[in-house]
Amino acid sequence: IILNVVIWFVGLVFLLGNWGIEVTPIIAGLGIGGIAVALAAQNILGDLFSYFVIFFDRPFEAGDFIIVDDKMGTIEYVGVKTTHIRALGGEQIVIGNSNLTNSRIHNYKRMARRRVVFGIDVEYGTPFDKLQGIPGMLKEIVERQKLITFDRAHFAAYKDWSLRFEVVYYVLSADFNAYMDIQQQINFDIYKEFEKLKVNFALPTQSMLIKKEGEADVPHNWD
């Protein structure tokens, strides 16, 4: 189409020149008009070129679940100018192709496995022998689940108001619902085992010591 337009334009210029019509002002006017059209069409052409990038590079396709900046959803349609995404809330998000190719895209459809990290906070005062047994108990609970690979379970840190245990495992599926089902069962089992061992989950707490005026400073037994 572009080649045909160029050929007809050149032919028309030669024809007008043969008729004795001054074509220089016409060409100059067309040049200025072409620049204006090009500036106006810059965004459109950017989206068009970005469409070809998406078409050939295929960073995503219809049906993929992606996150772009703070937007997330499933790809419904990839057009010449825009891409349509169905958000989790049900609304449709329309994003220009150039914005997509210039952004960092997280494609969860192509995720081979999901790394999961979660923490358990146990209260201070828990007997030492029970603390020692918690990492092994957490490992055993996680390894009961299907479609997972256990990584580690450790007493990770002394927090301001708790003793923090950290667990890491991998879900061998990209399905978010499968991950949530596994994590839910792990949470149920941890709660049940803590009830058996009489281990308490830690809650954010603060202790306040009030001293009367003139009272001497004495060591305080926080127990």
Protein backbone atom coordinates (compact mmCIF):
# COMPACT_ATOMS: atom_id res chain seq x y z
CA ILE A 1 0.00 0.00 0.00
CA ILE A 2 2.79 2.43 0.94
CA LEU A 3 4.68 1.63 -2.28
CA ASN A 4 1.55 2.30 -4.37
CA VAL A 5 0.99 5.64 -2.64
CA VAL A 6 4.60 6.70 -3.28
CA ILE A 7 4.42 5.71 -6.97
CA TRP A 8 1.13 7.56 -7.52
CA PHE A 9 2.45 10.62 -5.68
CA VAL A 10 5.63 10.77 -7.79
CA GLY A 11 3.58 10.25 -10.94
CA LEU A 12 1.20 13.05 -9.95
CA VAL A 13 4.13 15.41 -9.31
CA PHE A 14 5.61 14.71 -12.77
CA LEU A 15 2.18 15.16 -14.37
CA LEU A 16 1.61 18.53 -12.69
CA GLY A 17 5.13 19.60 -13.67
CA ASN A 18 4.48 18.69 -17.32
CA TRP A 19 1.32 20.79 -17.21
CA GLY A 20 3.40 23.79 -16.13
CA ILE A 21 2.10 23.90 -12.57
CA GLU A 22 4.64 24.95 -9.94
CA VAL A 23 4.97 21.86 -7.72
CA THR A 24 7.61 23.15 -5.27
CA PRO A 25 5.09 24.94 -2.95
CA ILE A 26 2.85 21.87 -3.09
CA ILE A 27 5.71 19.56 -2.12
CA ALA A 28 6.77 21.94 0.66
CA GLY A 29 3.19 22.09 1.96
CA LEU A 30 2.91 18.31 1.83
CA GLY A 31 6.22 18.04 3.67
CA ILE A 32 5.00 20.27 6.50
CA GLY A 33 1.71 18.40 6.59
CA GLY A 34 3.59 15.10 6.65
CA ILE A 35 5.64 16.24 9.64
CA ALA A 36 2.49 17.26 11.50
CA VAL A 37 0.82 13.94 10.69
CA ALA A 38 3.95 12.05 11.77
CA LEU A 39 4.06 13.87 15.11
CA ALA A 40 0.36 13.22 15.65
CA ALA A 41 0.76 9.56 14.74
CA GLN A 42 3.89 9.02 16.85
CA ASN A 43 2.07 7.22 19.68
CA ILE A 44 0.05 5.15 17.22
CA LEU A 45 3.20 4.08 15.36
CA GLY A 46 4.90 3.31 18.69
CA ASP A 47 2.04 1.00 19.66
CA LEU A 48 2.12 -0.56 16.19
CA PHE A 49 5.85 -1.35 16.38
CA SER A 50 5.35 -2.64 19.92
CA TYR A 51 2.65 -4.97 18.58
CA PHE A 52 5.20 -6.51 16.20
CA VAL A 53 7.62 -6.88 19.13
CA ILE A 54 4.93 -8.72 21.11
CA PHE A 55 3.97 -10.79 18.06
CA PHE A 56 7.50 -12.00 17.30
CA ASP A 57 9.02 -12.09 20.81
CA ARG A 58 5.87 -13.45 22.52
CA PRO A 59 6.50 -12.33 26.12
CA PHE A 60 2.87 -13.29 26.74
CA GLU A 61 -0.19 -14.52 24.87
CA ALA A 62 -3.93 -14.81 25.40
CA GLY A 63 -4.71 -16.74 28.56
CA ASP A 64 -1.51 -15.81 30.44
CA PHE A 65 -1.76 -14.27 33.91
CA ILE A 66 0.59 -11.28 34.13
CA ILE A 67 1.48 -8.43 36.48
CA VAL A 68 2.46 -5.07 34.98
CA ASP A 69 3.46 -2.45 37.55
CA ASP A 70 0.49 -2.43 39.96
CA LYS A 71 -1.96 -4.01 37.47
CA MET A 72 -2.62 -7.74 37.26
CA GLY A 73 -4.95 -10.00 35.33
CA THR A 74 -5.37 -12.47 32.47
CA ILE A 75 -4.60 -11.52 28.87
CA GLU A 76 -7.79 -11.53 26.81
CA TYR A 77 -6.77 -9.91 23.53
CA VAL A 78 -3.61 -8.52 21.94
CA GLY A 79 -4.47 -5.87 19.33
CA VAL A 80 -2.48 -3.70 16.97
CA LYS A 81 -2.62 -0.72 19.35
CA THR A 82 -3.76 -2.02 22.74
CA THR A 83 -3.82 -5.17 24.85
CA HIS A 84 -6.89 -6.08 26.91
CA ILE A 85 -6.42 -7.58 30.38
CA ARG A 86 -9.20 -9.01 32.55
CA ALA A 87 -8.39 -7.97 36.13
CA LEU A 88 -9.06 -10.10 39.21
CA GLY A 89 -11.86 -7.72 40.18
CA GLY A 90 -13.64 -8.45 36.89
CA GLU A 91 -12.99 -5.11 35.15
CA GLN A 92 -11.18 -4.89 31.83
CA ILE A 93 -7.85 -3.05 31.71
CA VAL A 94 -6.77 -1.63 28.33
CA ILE A 95 -3.04 -0.87 28.06
CA GLY A 96 -1.15 0.56 25.07
CA ASN A 97 1.31 -1.91 23.58
CA SER A 98 4.22 0.54 23.91
CA ASN A 99 3.52 0.82 27.66
CA LEU A 100 3.66 -2.96 27.95
CA THR A 101 6.94 -3.38 26.07
CA ASN A 102 8.51 -0.60 28.18
CA SER A 103 7.42 -2.21 31.48
CA ARG A 104 8.63 -5.14 33.55
CA ILE A 105 6.15 -7.95 32.99
CA HIS A 106 5.74 -10.86 35.42
CA ASN A 107 4.24 -13.80 33.50
CA TYR A 108 2.93 -16.29 36.08
CA LYS A 109 1.53 -18.67 33.44
CA ARG A 110 5.10 -19.66 32.57
CA MET A 111 6.22 -20.14 36.15
CA ALA A 112 7.49 -23.70 36.58
CA ARG A 113 7.29 -23.60 40.38
CA ARG A 114 6.39 -21.11 43.11
CA ARG A 115 8.75 -20.32 45.99
CA VAL A 116 6.88 -19.87 49.27
CA VAL A 117 8.36 -18.25 52.40
CA PHE A 118 6.35 -17.87 55.58
CA GLY A 119 7.10 -17.23 59.24
CA ILE A 120 5.76 -18.50 62.56
CA ASP A 121 6.06 -16.35 65.70
CA VAL A 122 6.35 -18.20 69.01
CA GLU A 123 6.16 -16.40 72.33
CA TYR A 124 9.15 -15.83 74.61
CA GLY A 125 9.21 -18.22 77.56
CA THR A 126 8.64 -21.33 75.45
CA PRO A 127 10.75 -24.19 76.92
CA PHE A 128 14.01 -24.89 75.10
CA ASP A 129 13.23 -28.54 74.34
CA LYS A 130 10.01 -27.51 72.58
CA LEU A 131 11.85 -24.82 70.58
CA GLN A 132 14.35 -27.42 69.39
CA GLY A 133 11.57 -29.66 68.11
CA ILE A 134 9.70 -26.99 66.12
CA PRO A 135 11.91 -26.96 62.95
CA GLY A 136 11.60 -30.74 62.57
CA MET A 137 7.85 -30.55 63.17
CA LEU A 138 7.46 -27.84 60.52
CA LYS A 139 9.49 -29.89 58.04
CA GLU A 140 7.34 -32.96 58.64
CA ILE A 141 4.12 -30.96 58.21
CA VAL A 142 5.24 -29.41 54.91
CA GLU A 143 6.48 -32.72 53.50
CA ARG A 144 3.02 -34.27 54.02
CA GLN A 145 1.70 -32.14 51.17
CA LYS A 146 1.65 -33.18 47.52
CA LEU A 147 3.18 -31.23 44.63
CA ILE A 148 5.81 -29.58 46.85
CA THR A 149 9.57 -29.64 47.41
CA PHE A 150 10.71 -28.83 50.94
CA ASP A 151 13.67 -26.46 51.24
CA ARG A 152 14.28 -25.52 54.88
CA ALA A 153 12.84 -24.70 58.32
CA HIS A 154 14.87 -22.72 60.89
CA PHE A 155 14.69 -20.75 64.12
CA ALA A 156 15.45 -17.54 62.22
CA ALA A 157 15.56 -14.59 64.62
CA TYR A 158 14.85 -13.01 67.98
CA LYS A 159 12.16 -10.42 67.31
CA ASP A 160 11.03 -7.65 69.65
CA TRP A 161 8.06 -9.64 70.84
CA SER A 162 8.51 -13.15 69.45
CA LEU A 163 10.81 -15.99 68.46
CA ARG A 164 10.62 -16.21 64.66
CA PHE A 165 10.72 -19.50 62.75
CA GLU A 166 10.99 -19.39 58.97
CA VAL A 167 9.93 -22.03 56.45
CA VAL A 168 10.72 -22.22 52.73
CA TYR A 169 9.25 -24.66 50.21
CA TYR A 170 8.36 -24.83 46.51
CA VAL A 171 4.97 -25.56 44.96
CA LEU A 172 5.46 -27.53 41.74
CA SER A 173 2.61 -25.77 39.97
CA ALA A 174 1.80 -22.28 38.72
CA ASP A 175 -1.82 -22.59 39.87
CA PHE A 176 -2.45 -20.00 42.61
CA ASN A 177 -5.42 -21.93 44.02
CA ALA A 178 -3.25 -25.06 44.37
CA TYR A 179 -0.70 -23.03 46.33
CA MET A 180 -3.39 -21.58 48.62
CA ASP A 181 -4.87 -25.05 49.28
CA ILE A 182 -1.44 -26.35 50.28
CA GLN A 183 -0.65 -23.36 52.51
CA GLN A 184 -4.07 -23.58 54.16
CA GLN A 185 -3.54 -27.24 55.07
CA ILE A 186 -0.06 -26.44 56.43
CA ASN A 187 -1.56 -23.69 58.61
CA PHE A 188 -4.22 -26.08 59.94
CA ASP A 189 -1.63 -28.74 60.78
CA ILE A 190 0.69 -26.25 62.52
CA TYR A 191 -2.17 -24.98 64.67
CA LYS A 192 -3.12 -28.55 65.63
CA GLU A 193 0.46 -29.53 66.51
CA PHE A 194 0.97 -26.38 68.58
CA GLU A 195 -2.16 -27.22 70.56
CA LYS A 196 -0.77 -30.69 71.28
CA LEU A 197 2.62 -29.35 72.36
CA LYS A 198 1.02 -26.44 74.26
CA VAL A 199 3.17 -23.96 72.34
CA ASN A 200 1.65 -20.49 72.08
CA PHE A 201 1.75 -18.18 69.07
CA ALA A 202 3.23 -14.81 69.93
CA LEU A 203 1.16 -11.64 69.89
CA PRO A 204 2.54 -8.09 69.79
CA THR A 205 2.79 -7.02 73.44
CA GLN A 206 4.32 -4.21 75.47
CA SER A 207 5.20 -4.10 79.15
CA MET A 208 5.11 -0.84 81.09
CA LEU A 209 6.84 -0.26 84.43
CA ILE A 210 5.43 2.62 86.48
CA LYS A 211 7.61 3.96 89.29
CA LYS A 212 6.18 6.07 92.08
CA GLU A 213 7.86 9.37 92.90
CA GLY A 214 10.73 8.86 95.32
CA GLU A 215 10.73 5.08 94.87
CA ALA A 216 14.18 3.52 94.50
CA ASP A 217 15.13 1.70 91.34
CA VAL A 218 14.90 -2.04 91.93
CA PRO A 219 15.35 -4.94 89.52
CA HIS A 220 12.04 -6.06 88.12
CA ASN A 221 11.06 -9.65 87.51
CA TRP A 222 9.24 -9.56 84.16
CA ASP A 223 7.97 -13.12 84.64
